[in-house]
Amino acid sequence: MKRVTDRMSRLPLAEKTIPLSKLPSYRRMAALRGRIDKIDESIVRLLADRCRLAQDIGDEKKTMDLPVLNRKREKKILERVAVLASDQGLDSAMARLIFSDIIRLGRAQQK
């Protein structure tokens, strides 16, 4: 019996027998994960839009002979994002960290 139990623990969830008492929880978890997948799709679309806009801004900066890096603008963005995150009950430091990476990627689009 131990071998069967050990084997069951290595099987993908779809191949395991789920006790009926836990079935609603698994369905709820699957539904929640589905919602996260939809949000992830939206985030990727928005990031793609942001990258395209960053490229357009980079093109404008080139025609105006402006540098890619604008620390003052980046500081304002990070301050704004921290407030927005806090208003949504999120950790503002986490939001700043995420947006620092997003800004860095946008800067790379402008080169």
PDB file of N, CA and C in Angstrom:
ATOM      1  N   MET A   1       0.820  -1.195   0.000  1.00  0.00           N
ATOM      2  CA  MET A   1       0.000   0.000   0.000  1.00  0.00           C
ATOM      3  C   MET A   1       0.867   1.263   0.000  1.00  0.00           C
ATOM      4  N   LYS A   2       2.018   1.218   0.661  1.00  0.00           N
ATOM      5  CA  LYS A   2       2.900   2.371   0.717  1.00  0.00           C
ATOM      6  C   LYS A   2       3.346   2.789  -0.682  1.00  0.00           C
ATOM      7  N   ARG A   3       3.656   1.831  -1.541  1.00  0.00           N
ATOM      8  CA  ARG A   3       4.082   2.154  -2.905  1.00  0.00           C
ATOM      9  C   ARG A   3       2.992   2.885  -3.673  1.00  0.00           C
ATOM     10  N   VAL A   4       1.778   2.484  -3.511  1.00  0.00           N
ATOM     11  CA  VAL A   4       0.662   3.152  -4.188  1.00  0.00           C
ATOM     12  C   VAL A   4       0.544   4.585  -3.693  1.00  0.00           C
ATOM     13  N   THR A   5       0.650   4.800  -2.388  1.00  0.00           N
ATOM     14  CA  THR A   5       0.565   6.137  -1.811  1.00  0.00           C
ATOM     15  C   THR A   5       1.712   7.009  -2.312  1.00  0.00           C
ATOM     16  N   ASP A   6       2.941   6.482  -2.314  1.00  0.00           N
ATOM     17  CA  ASP A   6       4.089   7.228  -2.812  1.00  0.00           C
ATOM     18  C   ASP A   6       3.894   7.600  -4.277  1.00  0.00           C
ATOM     19  N   ARG A   7       3.392   6.659  -5.053  1.00  0.00           N
ATOM     20  CA  ARG A   7       3.147   6.916  -6.473  1.00  0.00           C
ATOM     21  C   ARG A   7       2.082   7.996  -6.649  1.00  0.00           C
ATOM     22  N   MET A   8       1.040   7.963  -5.841  1.00  0.00           N
ATOM     23  CA  MET A   8      -0.035   8.951  -5.931  1.00  0.00           C
ATOM     24  C   MET A   8       0.476  10.366  -5.666  1.00  0.00           C
ATOM     25  N   SER A   9       1.421  10.518  -4.759  1.00  0.00           N
ATOM     26  CA  SER A   9       1.924  11.849  -4.426  1.00  0.00           C
ATOM     27  C   SER A   9       2.716  12.458  -5.578  1.00  0.00           C
ATOM     28  N   ARG A  10       3.182  11.641  -6.509  1.00  0.00           N
ATOM     29  CA  ARG A  10       3.948  12.144  -7.645  1.00  0.00           C
ATOM     30  C   ARG A  10       3.087  12.354  -8.890  1.00  0.00           C
ATOM     31  N   LEU A  11       1.837  11.940  -8.837  1.00  0.00           N
ATOM     32  CA  LEU A  11       0.971  12.087  -9.997  1.00  0.00           C
ATOM     33  C   LEU A  11       0.472  13.522 -10.124  1.00  0.00           C
ATOM     34  N   PRO A  12       0.239  13.977 -11.355  1.00  0.00           N
ATOM     35  CA  PRO A  12      -0.383  15.284 -11.525  1.00  0.00           C
ATOM     36  C   PRO A  12      -1.776  15.267 -10.902  1.00  0.00           C
ATOM     37  N   LEU A  13      -2.248  16.441 -10.513  1.00  0.00           N
ATOM     38  CA  LEU A  13      -3.530  16.558  -9.833  1.00  0.00           C
ATOM     39  C   LEU A  13      -4.664  15.897 -10.607  1.00  0.00           C
ATOM     40  N   ALA A  14      -4.660  16.018 -11.912  1.00  0.00           N
ATOM     41  CA  ALA A  14      -5.745  15.464 -12.725  1.00  0.00           C
ATOM     42  C   ALA A  14      -5.838  13.947 -12.600  1.00  0.00           C
ATOM     43  N   GLU A  15      -4.729  13.283 -12.276  1.00  0.00           N
ATOM     44  CA  GLU A  15      -4.727  11.827 -12.181  1.00  0.00           C
ATOM     45  C   GLU A  15      -4.973  11.328 -10.764  1.00  0.00           C
ATOM     46  N   LYS A  16      -5.038  12.224  -9.792  1.00  0.00           N
ATOM     47  CA  LYS A  16      -5.282  11.845  -8.411  1.00  0.00           C
ATOM     48  C   LYS A  16      -6.781  11.768  -8.167  1.00  0.00           C
ATOM     49  N   THR A  17      -7.141  10.971  -7.209  1.00  0.00           N
ATOM     50  CA  THR A  17      -8.525  10.923  -6.790  1.00  0.00           C
ATOM     51  C   THR A  17      -8.729  11.987  -5.723  1.00  0.00           C
ATOM     52  N   ILE A  18      -9.634  12.904  -5.976  1.00  0.00           N
ATOM     53  CA  ILE A  18      -9.911  13.981  -5.036  1.00  0.00           C
ATOM     54  C   ILE A  18     -11.113  13.587  -4.191  1.00  0.00           C
ATOM     55  N   PRO A  19     -10.970  13.624  -2.882  1.00  0.00           N
ATOM     56  CA  PRO A  19     -12.127  13.321  -2.050  1.00  0.00           C
ATOM     57  C   PRO A  19     -13.276  14.285  -2.352  1.00  0.00           C
ATOM     58  N   LEU A  20     -14.483  13.781  -2.393  1.00  0.00           N
ATOM     59  CA  LEU A  20     -15.646  14.609  -2.715  1.00  0.00           C
ATOM     60  C   LEU A  20     -15.768  15.818  -1.804  1.00  0.00           C
ATOM     61  N   SER A  21     -15.382  15.667  -0.550  1.00  0.00           N
ATOM     62  CA  SER A  21     -15.485  16.786   0.391  1.00  0.00           C
ATOM     63  C   SER A  21     -14.587  17.957   0.009  1.00  0.00           C
ATOM     64  N   LYS A  22     -13.524  17.684  -0.759  1.00  0.00           N
ATOM     65  CA  LYS A  22     -12.592  18.748  -1.146  1.00  0.00           C
ATOM     66  C   LYS A  22     -12.838  19.263  -2.563  1.00  0.00           C
ATOM     67  N   LEU A  23     -13.734  18.659  -3.278  1.00  0.00           N
ATOM     68  CA  LEU A  23     -13.984  19.043  -4.665  1.00  0.00           C
ATOM     69  C   LEU A  23     -14.371  20.511  -4.822  1.00  0.00           C
ATOM     70  N   PRO A  24     -15.273  21.057  -4.005  1.00  0.00           N
ATOM     71  CA  PRO A  24     -15.588  22.484  -4.161  1.00  0.00           C
ATOM     72  C   PRO A  24     -14.365  23.381  -3.991  1.00  0.00           C
ATOM     73  N   SER A  25     -13.463  23.025  -3.092  1.00  0.00           N
ATOM     74  CA  SER A  25     -12.252  23.832  -2.899  1.00  0.00           C
ATOM     75  C   SER A  25     -11.360  23.791  -4.130  1.00  0.00           C
ATOM     76  N   TYR A  26     -11.217  22.622  -4.736  1.00  0.00           N
ATOM     77  CA  TYR A  26     -10.399  22.508  -5.953  1.00  0.00           C
ATOM     78  C   TYR A  26     -11.034  23.290  -7.104  1.00  0.00           C
ATOM     79  N   ARG A  27     -12.346  23.245  -7.206  1.00  0.00           N
ATOM     80  CA  ARG A  27     -13.032  24.009  -8.261  1.00  0.00           C
ATOM     81  C   ARG A  27     -12.848  25.509  -8.040  1.00  0.00           C
ATOM     82  N   ARG A  28     -12.970  25.924  -6.798  1.00  0.00           N
ATOM     83  CA  ARG A  28     -12.788  27.353  -6.480  1.00  0.00           C
ATOM     84  C   ARG A  28     -11.355  27.773  -6.800  1.00  0.00           C
ATOM     85  N   MET A  29     -10.382  26.936  -6.411  1.00  0.00           N
ATOM     86  CA  MET A  29      -8.989  27.255  -6.696  1.00  0.00           C
ATOM     87  C   MET A  29      -8.759  27.332  -8.208  1.00  0.00           C
ATOM     88  N   ALA A  30      -9.335  26.423  -8.961  1.00  0.00           N
ATOM     89  CA  ALA A  30      -9.190  26.450 -10.423  1.00  0.00           C
ATOM     90  C   ALA A  30      -9.806  27.725 -10.989  1.00  0.00           C
ATOM     91  N   ALA A  31     -10.953  28.129 -10.466  1.00  0.00           N
ATOM     92  CA  ALA A  31     -11.597  29.361 -10.935  1.00  0.00           C
ATOM     93  C   ALA A  31     -10.739  30.582 -10.601  1.00  0.00           C
ATOM     94  N   LEU A  32     -10.181  30.608  -9.408  1.00  0.00           N
ATOM     95  CA  LEU A  32      -9.317  31.726  -9.014  1.00  0.00           C
ATOM     96  C   LEU A  32      -8.075  31.784  -9.888  1.00  0.00           C
ATOM     97  N   ARG A  33      -7.504  30.618 -10.180  1.00  0.00           N
ATOM     98  CA  ARG A  33      -6.329  30.590 -11.066  1.00  0.00           C
ATOM     99  C   ARG A  33      -6.691  31.052 -12.475  1.00  0.00           C
ATOM    100  N   GLY A  34      -7.882  30.725 -12.920  1.00  0.00           N
ATOM    101  CA  GLY A  34      -8.345  31.196 -14.220  1.00  0.00           C
ATOM    102  C   GLY A  34      -8.425  32.711 -14.259  1.00  0.00           C
ATOM    103  N   ARG A  35      -8.901  33.301 -13.164  1.00  0.00           N
ATOM    104  CA  ARG A  35      -8.961  34.769 -13.078  1.00  0.00           C
ATOM    105  C   ARG A  35      -7.559  35.369 -13.100  1.00  0.00           C
ATOM    106  N   ILE A  36      -6.619  34.741 -12.390  1.00  0.00           N
ATOM    107  CA  ILE A  36      -5.228  35.220 -12.407  1.00  0.00           C
ATOM    108  C   ILE A  36      -4.660  35.145 -13.819  1.00  0.00           C
ATOM    109  N   ASP A  37      -4.953  34.064 -14.541  1.00  0.00           N
ATOM    110  CA  ASP A  37      -4.478  33.930 -15.927  1.00  0.00           C
ATOM    111  C   ASP A  37      -4.990  35.081 -16.789  1.00  0.00           C
ATOM    112  N   LYS A  38      -6.252  35.457 -16.619  1.00  0.00           N
ATOM    113  CA  LYS A  38      -6.825  36.576 -17.388  1.00  0.00           C
ATOM    114  C   LYS A  38      -6.128  37.888 -17.032  1.00  0.00           C
ATOM    115  N   ILE A  39      -5.869  38.090 -15.746  1.00  0.00           N
ATOM    116  CA  ILE A  39      -5.165  39.300 -15.316  1.00  0.00           C
ATOM    117  C   ILE A  39      -3.761  39.322 -15.903  1.00  0.00           C
ATOM    118  N   ASP A  40      -3.068  38.175 -15.884  1.00  0.00           N
ATOM    119  CA  ASP A  40      -1.726  38.095 -16.476  1.00  0.00           C
ATOM    120  C   ASP A  40      -1.753  38.477 -17.953  1.00  0.00           C
ATOM    121  N   GLU A  41      -2.773  38.022 -18.680  1.00  0.00           N
ATOM    122  CA  GLU A  41      -2.905  38.376 -20.093  1.00  0.00           C
ATOM    123  C   GLU A  41      -3.057  39.891 -20.250  1.00  0.00           C
ATOM    124  N   SER A  42      -3.846  40.495 -19.386  1.00  0.00           N
ATOM    125  CA  SER A  42      -4.032  41.955 -19.432  1.00  0.00           C
ATOM    126  C   SER A  42      -2.729  42.681 -19.126  1.00  0.00           C
ATOM    127  N   ILE A  43      -2.011  42.205 -18.130  1.00  0.00           N
ATOM    128  CA  ILE A  43      -0.736  42.833 -17.767  1.00  0.00           C
ATOM    129  C   ILE A  43       0.236  42.772 -18.940  1.00  0.00           C
ATOM    130  N   VAL A  44       0.314  41.639 -19.608  1.00  0.00           N
ATOM    131  CA  VAL A  44       1.229  41.503 -20.747  1.00  0.00           C
ATOM    132  C   VAL A  44       0.826  42.451 -21.877  1.00  0.00           C
ATOM    133  N   ARG A  45      -0.482  42.539 -22.152  1.00  0.00           N
ATOM    134  CA  ARG A  45      -0.942  43.487 -23.192  1.00  0.00           C
ATOM    135  C   ARG A  45      -0.577  44.922 -22.824  1.00  0.00           C
ATOM    136  N   LEU A  46      -0.778  45.288 -21.561  1.00  0.00           N
ATOM    137  CA  LEU A  46      -0.455  46.647 -21.122  1.00  0.00           C
ATOM    138  C   LEU A  46       1.054  46.912 -21.177  1.00  0.00           C
ATOM    139  N   LEU A  47       1.853  45.923 -20.823  1.00  0.00           N
ATOM    140  CA  LEU A  47       3.307  46.085 -20.924  1.00  0.00           C
ATOM    141  C   LEU A  47       3.742  46.269 -22.378  1.00  0.00           C
ATOM    142  N   ALA A  48       3.112  45.516 -23.275  1.00  0.00           N
ATOM    143  CA  ALA A  48       3.431  45.672 -24.700  1.00  0.00           C
ATOM    144  C   ALA A  48       3.062  47.078 -25.172  1.00  0.00           C
ATOM    145  N   ASP A  49       1.908  47.578 -24.753  1.00  0.00           N
ATOM    146  CA  ASP A  49       1.506  48.952 -25.095  1.00  0.00           C
ATOM    147  C   ASP A  49       2.520  49.958 -24.550  1.00  0.00           C
ATOM    148  N   ARG A  50       2.930  49.748 -23.310  1.00  0.00           N
ATOM    149  CA  ARG A  50       3.875  50.667 -22.668  1.00  0.00           C
ATOM    150  C   ARG A  50       5.216  50.653 -23.407  1.00  0.00           C
ATOM    151  N   CYS A  51       5.660  49.481 -23.818  1.00  0.00           N
ATOM    152  CA  CYS A  51       6.922  49.380 -24.561  1.00  0.00           C
ATOM    153  C   CYS A  51       6.841  50.106 -25.899  1.00  0.00           C
ATOM    154  N   ARG A  52       5.706  49.965 -26.574  1.00  0.00           N
ATOM    155  CA  ARG A  52       5.537  50.683 -27.854  1.00  0.00           C
ATOM    156  C   ARG A  52       5.569  52.197 -27.632  1.00  0.00           C
ATOM    157  N   LEU A  53       4.906  52.655 -26.581  1.00  0.00           N
ATOM    158  CA  LEU A  53       4.917  54.087 -26.276  1.00  0.00           C
ATOM    159  C   LEU A  53       6.321  54.564 -25.899  1.00  0.00           C
ATOM    160  N   ALA A  54       7.044  53.754 -25.150  1.00  0.00           N
ATOM    161  CA  ALA A  54       8.418  54.107 -24.786  1.00  0.00           C
ATOM    162  C   ALA A  54       9.285  54.238 -26.041  1.00  0.00           C
ATOM    163  N   GLN A  55       9.067  53.349 -26.997  1.00  0.00           N
ATOM    164  CA  GLN A  55       9.810  53.431 -28.261  1.00  0.00           C
ATOM    165  C   GLN A  55       9.470  54.736 -28.987  1.00  0.00           C
ATOM    166  N   ASP A  56       8.192  55.082 -29.015  1.00  0.00           N
ATOM    167  CA  ASP A  56       7.772  56.345 -29.648  1.00  0.00           C
ATOM    168  C   ASP A  56       8.402  57.548 -28.949  1.00  0.00           C
ATOM    169  N   ILE A  57       8.434  57.513 -27.623  1.00  0.00           N
ATOM    170  CA  ILE A  57       9.061  58.600 -26.863  1.00  0.00           C
ATOM    171  C   ILE A  57      10.551  58.661 -27.186  1.00  0.00           C
ATOM    172  N   GLY A  58      11.178  57.492 -27.282  1.00  0.00           N
ATOM    173  CA  GLY A  58      12.594  57.445 -27.651  1.00  0.00           C
ATOM    174  C   GLY A  58      12.847  58.080 -29.009  1.00  0.00           C
ATOM    175  N   ASP A  59      11.957  57.811 -29.953  1.00  0.00           N
ATOM    176  CA  ASP A  59      12.077  58.421 -31.284  1.00  0.00           C
ATOM    177  C   ASP A  59      11.972  59.943 -31.195  1.00  0.00           C
ATOM    178  N   GLU A  60      11.028  60.424 -30.387  1.00  0.00           N
ATOM    179  CA  GLU A  60      10.865  61.874 -30.214  1.00  0.00           C
ATOM    180  C   GLU A  60      12.095  62.483 -29.551  1.00  0.00           C
ATOM    181  N   LYS A  61      12.633  61.787 -28.543  1.00  0.00           N
ATOM    182  CA  LYS A  61      13.827  62.291 -27.869  1.00  0.00           C
ATOM    183  C   LYS A  61      14.992  62.410 -28.847  1.00  0.00           C
ATOM    184  N   LYS A  62      15.094  61.446 -29.760  1.00  0.00           N
ATOM    185  CA  LYS A  62      16.179  61.504 -30.747  1.00  0.00           C
ATOM    186  C   LYS A  62      16.025  62.719 -31.647  1.00  0.00           C
ATOM    187  N   THR A  63      14.802  62.983 -32.099  1.00  0.00           N
ATOM    188  CA  THR A  63      14.602  64.145 -32.983  1.00  0.00           C
ATOM    189  C   THR A  63      14.853  65.451 -32.244  1.00  0.00           C
ATOM    190  N   MET A  64      14.651  65.444 -30.924  1.00  0.00           N
ATOM    191  CA  MET A  64      14.853  66.652 -30.112  1.00  0.00           C
ATOM    192  C   MET A  64      16.244  66.691 -29.493  1.00  0.00           C
ATOM    193  N   ASP A  65      17.052  65.664 -29.801  1.00  0.00           N
ATOM    194  CA  ASP A  65      18.404  65.546 -29.268  1.00  0.00           C
ATOM    195  C   ASP A  65      18.420  65.571 -27.736  1.00  0.00           C
ATOM    196  N   LEU A  66      17.488  64.807 -27.130  1.00  0.00           N
ATOM    197  CA  LEU A  66      17.399  64.687 -25.672  1.00  0.00           C
ATOM    198  C   LEU A  66      17.977  63.347 -25.235  1.00  0.00           C
ATOM    199  N   PRO A  67      18.523  63.299 -24.034  1.00  0.00           N
ATOM    200  CA  PRO A  67      19.058  62.021 -23.538  1.00  0.00           C
ATOM    201  C   PRO A  67      17.923  61.049 -23.206  1.00  0.00           C
ATOM    202  N   VAL A  68      18.222  59.770 -23.257  1.00  0.00           N
ATOM    203  CA  VAL A  68      17.236  58.733 -22.919  1.00  0.00           C
ATOM    204  C   VAL A  68      16.878  58.819 -21.438  1.00  0.00           C
ATOM    205  N   LEU A  69      17.883  58.940 -20.598  1.00  0.00           N
ATOM    206  CA  LEU A  69      17.664  58.948 -19.156  1.00  0.00           C
ATOM    207  C   LEU A  69      17.116  60.296 -18.692  1.00  0.00           C
ATOM    208  N   ASN A  70      16.011  60.239 -17.956  1.00  0.00           N
ATOM    209  CA  ASN A  70      15.411  61.435 -17.365  1.00  0.00           C
ATOM    210  C   ASN A  70      15.075  61.087 -15.908  1.00  0.00           C
ATOM    211  N   ARG A  71      16.056  61.276 -15.048  1.00  0.00           N
ATOM    212  CA  ARG A  71      15.907  60.882 -13.642  1.00  0.00           C
ATOM    213  C   ARG A  71      14.723  61.576 -12.958  1.00  0.00           C
ATOM    214  N   LYS A  72      14.509  62.822 -13.277  1.00  0.00           N
ATOM    215  CA  LYS A  72      13.408  63.572 -12.657  1.00  0.00           C
ATOM    216  C   LYS A  72      12.063  62.929 -13.001  1.00  0.00           C
ATOM    217  N   ARG A  73      11.880  62.587 -14.268  1.00  0.00           N
ATOM    218  CA  ARG A  73      10.639  61.935 -14.708  1.00  0.00           C
ATOM    219  C   ARG A  73      10.489  60.558 -14.054  1.00  0.00           C
ATOM    220  N   GLU A  74      11.558  59.798 -14.020  1.00  0.00           N
ATOM    221  CA  GLU A  74      11.511  58.462 -13.418  1.00  0.00           C
ATOM    222  C   GLU A  74      11.178  58.542 -11.930  1.00  0.00           C
ATOM    223  N   LYS A  75      11.742  59.530 -11.247  1.00  0.00           N
ATOM    224  CA  LYS A  75      11.445  59.714  -9.821  1.00  0.00           C
ATOM    225  C   LYS A  75       9.954  60.013  -9.622  1.00  0.00           C
ATOM    226  N   LYS A  76       9.393  60.866 -10.475  1.00  0.00           N
ATOM    227  CA  LYS A  76       7.967  61.199 -10.381  1.00  0.00           C
ATOM    228  C   LYS A  76       7.093  59.969 -10.616  1.00  0.00           C
ATOM    229  N   ILE A  77       7.481  59.157 -11.587  1.00  0.00           N
ATOM    230  CA  ILE A  77       6.720  57.934 -11.880  1.00  0.00           C
ATOM    231  C   ILE A  77       6.718  57.024 -10.658  1.00  0.00           C
ATOM    232  N   LEU A  78       7.885  56.817 -10.065  1.00  0.00           N
ATOM    233  CA  LEU A  78       7.991  55.913  -8.919  1.00  0.00           C
ATOM    234  C   LEU A  78       7.227  56.451  -7.706  1.00  0.00           C
ATOM    235  N   GLU A  79       7.257  57.760  -7.510  1.00  0.00           N
ATOM    236  CA  GLU A  79       6.481  58.358  -6.413  1.00  0.00           C
ATOM    237  C   GLU A  79       4.979  58.167  -6.651  1.00  0.00           C
ATOM    238  N   ARG A  80       4.552  58.385  -7.876  1.00  0.00           N
ATOM    239  CA  ARG A  80       3.140  58.236  -8.228  1.00  0.00           C
ATOM    240  C   ARG A  80       2.680  56.789  -8.054  1.00  0.00           C
ATOM    241  N   VAL A  81       3.506  55.857  -8.509  1.00  0.00           N
ATOM    242  CA  VAL A  81       3.182  54.433  -8.405  1.00  0.00           C
ATOM    243  C   VAL A  81       3.102  54.006  -6.941  1.00  0.00           C
ATOM    244  N   ALA A  82       3.984  54.527  -6.110  1.00  0.00           N
ATOM    245  CA  ALA A  82       3.956  54.178  -4.683  1.00  0.00           C
ATOM    246  C   ALA A  82       2.644  54.620  -4.050  1.00  0.00           C
ATOM    247  N   VAL A  83       2.162  55.794  -4.405  1.00  0.00           N
ATOM    248  CA  VAL A  83       0.884  56.287  -3.874  1.00  0.00           C
ATOM    249  C   VAL A  83      -0.267  55.437  -4.407  1.00  0.00           C
ATOM    250  N   LEU A  84      -0.257  55.163  -5.697  1.00  0.00           N
ATOM    251  CA  LEU A  84      -1.314  54.335  -6.295  1.00  0.00           C
ATOM    252  C   LEU A  84      -1.361  52.961  -5.638  1.00  0.00           C
ATOM    253  N   ALA A  85      -0.197  52.377  -5.417  1.00  0.00           N
ATOM    254  CA  ALA A  85      -0.140  51.054  -4.789  1.00  0.00           C
ATOM    255  C   ALA A  85      -0.688  51.112  -3.370  1.00  0.00           C
ATOM    256  N   SER A  86      -0.259  52.091  -2.645  1.00  0.00           N
ATOM    257  CA  SER A  86      -0.719  52.247  -1.263  1.00  0.00           C
ATOM    258  C   SER A  86      -2.236  52.425  -1.213  1.00  0.00           C
ATOM    259  N   ASP A  87      -2.768  53.204  -2.130  1.00  0.00           N
ATOM    260  CA  ASP A  87      -4.227  53.413  -2.204  1.00  0.00           C
ATOM    261  C   ASP A  87      -4.973  52.110  -2.457  1.00  0.00           C
ATOM    262  N   GLN A  88      -4.310  51.159  -3.117  1.00  0.00           N
ATOM    263  CA  GLN A  88      -4.923  49.861  -3.418  1.00  0.00           C
ATOM    264  C   GLN A  88      -4.612  48.805  -2.358  1.00  0.00           C
ATOM    265  N   GLY A  89      -3.936  49.220  -1.292  1.00  0.00           N
ATOM    266  CA  GLY A  89      -3.592  48.281  -0.229  1.00  0.00           C
ATOM    267  C   GLY A  89      -2.379  47.424  -0.533  1.00  0.00           C
ATOM    268  N   LEU A  90      -1.571  47.855  -1.488  1.00  0.00           N
ATOM    269  CA  LEU A  90      -0.357  47.120  -1.850  1.00  0.00           C
ATOM    270  C   LEU A  90       0.856  47.747  -1.184  1.00  0.00           C
ATOM    271  N   ASP A  91       1.900  46.981  -1.081  1.00  0.00           N
ATOM    272  CA  ASP A  91       3.160  47.460  -0.535  1.00  0.00           C
ATOM    273  C   ASP A  91       3.787  48.423  -1.544  1.00  0.00           C
ATOM    274  N   SER A  92       3.966  49.667  -1.142  1.00  0.00           N
ATOM    275  CA  SER A  92       4.502  50.668  -2.068  1.00  0.00           C
ATOM    276  C   SER A  92       5.944  50.352  -2.469  1.00  0.00           C
ATOM    277  N   ALA A  93       6.723  49.741  -1.576  1.00  0.00           N
ATOM    278  CA  ALA A  93       8.105  49.375  -1.926  1.00  0.00           C
ATOM    279  C   ALA A  93       8.120  48.309  -3.018  1.00  0.00           C
ATOM    280  N   MET A  94       7.186  47.365  -2.931  1.00  0.00           N
ATOM    281  CA  MET A  94       7.090  46.322  -3.952  1.00  0.00           C
ATOM    282  C   MET A  94       6.735  46.954  -5.304  1.00  0.00           C
ATOM    283  N   ALA A  95       5.789  47.880  -5.285  1.00  0.00           N
ATOM    284  CA  ALA A  95       5.378  48.544  -6.525  1.00  0.00           C
ATOM    285  C   ALA A  95       6.538  49.328  -7.130  1.00  0.00           C
ATOM    286  N   ARG A  96       7.296  50.007  -6.280  1.00  0.00           N
ATOM    287  CA  ARG A  96       8.457  50.759  -6.768  1.00  0.00           C
ATOM    288  C   ARG A  96       9.473  49.816  -7.424  1.00  0.00           C
ATOM    289  N   LEU A  97       9.687  48.670  -6.801  1.00  0.00           N
ATOM    290  CA  LEU A  97      10.637  47.698  -7.333  1.00  0.00           C
ATOM    291  C   LEU A  97      10.183  47.184  -8.708  1.00  0.00           C
ATOM    292  N   ILE A  98       8.931  46.825  -8.807  1.00  0.00           N
ATOM    293  CA  ILE A  98       8.387  46.328 -10.083  1.00  0.00           C
ATOM    294  C   ILE A  98       8.496  47.408 -11.151  1.00  0.00           C
ATOM    295  N   PHE A  99       8.100  48.628 -10.800  1.00  0.00           N
ATOM    296  CA  PHE A  99       8.126  49.703 -11.792  1.00  0.00           C
ATOM    297  C   PHE A  99       9.537  50.165 -12.120  1.00  0.00           C
ATOM    298  N   SER A 100      10.468  49.988 -11.218  1.00  0.00           N
ATOM    299  CA  SER A 100      11.866  50.289 -11.553  1.00  0.00           C
ATOM    300  C   SER A 100      12.323  49.403 -12.707  1.00  0.00           C
ATOM    301  N   ASP A 101      11.928  48.130 -12.650  1.00  0.00           N
ATOM    302  CA  ASP A 101      12.261  47.211 -13.749  1.00  0.00           C
ATOM    303  C   ASP A 101      11.523  47.600 -15.027  1.00  0.00           C
ATOM    304  N   ILE A 102      10.258  47.948 -14.905  1.00  0.00           N
ATOM    305  CA  ILE A 102       9.481  48.355 -16.081  1.00  0.00           C
ATOM    306  C   ILE A 102      10.095  49.591 -16.723  1.00  0.00           C
ATOM    307  N   ILE A 103      10.484  50.551 -15.899  1.00  0.00           N
ATOM    308  CA  ILE A 103      11.116  51.772 -16.419  1.00  0.00           C
ATOM    309  C   ILE A 103      12.441  51.441 -17.099  1.00  0.00           C
ATOM    310  N   ARG A 104      13.223  50.565 -16.474  1.00  0.00           N
ATOM    311  CA  ARG A 104      14.510  50.165 -17.065  1.00  0.00           C
ATOM    312  C   ARG A 104      14.290  49.532 -18.443  1.00  0.00           C
ATOM    313  N   LEU A 105      13.266  48.689 -18.542  1.00  0.00           N
ATOM    314  CA  LEU A 105      12.968  48.060 -19.841  1.00  0.00           C
ATOM    315  C   LEU A 105      12.506  49.100 -20.853  1.00  0.00           C
ATOM    316  N   GLY A 106      11.719  50.072 -20.395  1.00  0.00           N
ATOM    317  CA  GLY A 106      11.283  51.151 -21.288  1.00  0.00           C
ATOM    318  C   GLY A 106      12.449  51.976 -21.787  1.00  0.00           C
ATOM    319  N   ARG A 107      13.397  52.210 -20.895  1.00  0.00           N
ATOM    320  CA  ARG A 107      14.604  52.944 -21.285  1.00  0.00           C
ATOM    321  C   ARG A 107      15.361  52.180 -22.368  1.00  0.00           C
ATOM    322  N   ALA A 108      15.412  50.859 -22.221  1.00  0.00           N
ATOM    323  CA  ALA A 108      16.099  50.040 -23.227  1.00  0.00           C
ATOM    324  C   ALA A 108      15.389  50.136 -24.583  1.00  0.00           C
ATOM    325  N   GLN A 109      14.056  50.281 -24.561  1.00  0.00           N
ATOM    326  CA  GLN A 109      13.299  50.445 -25.802  1.00  0.00           C
ATOM    327  C   GLN A 109      13.640  51.759 -26.512  1.00  0.00           C
ATOM    328  N   GLN A 110      14.080  52.743 -25.740  1.00  0.00           N
ATOM    329  CA  GLN A 110      14.345  54.061 -26.298  1.00  0.00           C
ATOM    330  C   GLN A 110      15.726  54.187 -26.930  1.00  0.00           C
ATOM    331  N   LYS A 111      16.564  53.198 -26.725  1.00  0.00           N
ATOM    332  CA  LYS A 111      17.937  53.292 -27.265  1.00  0.00           C
ATOM    333  C   LYS A 111      18.008  52.851 -28.704  1.00  0.00           C
TER     334      LYS A 111
END
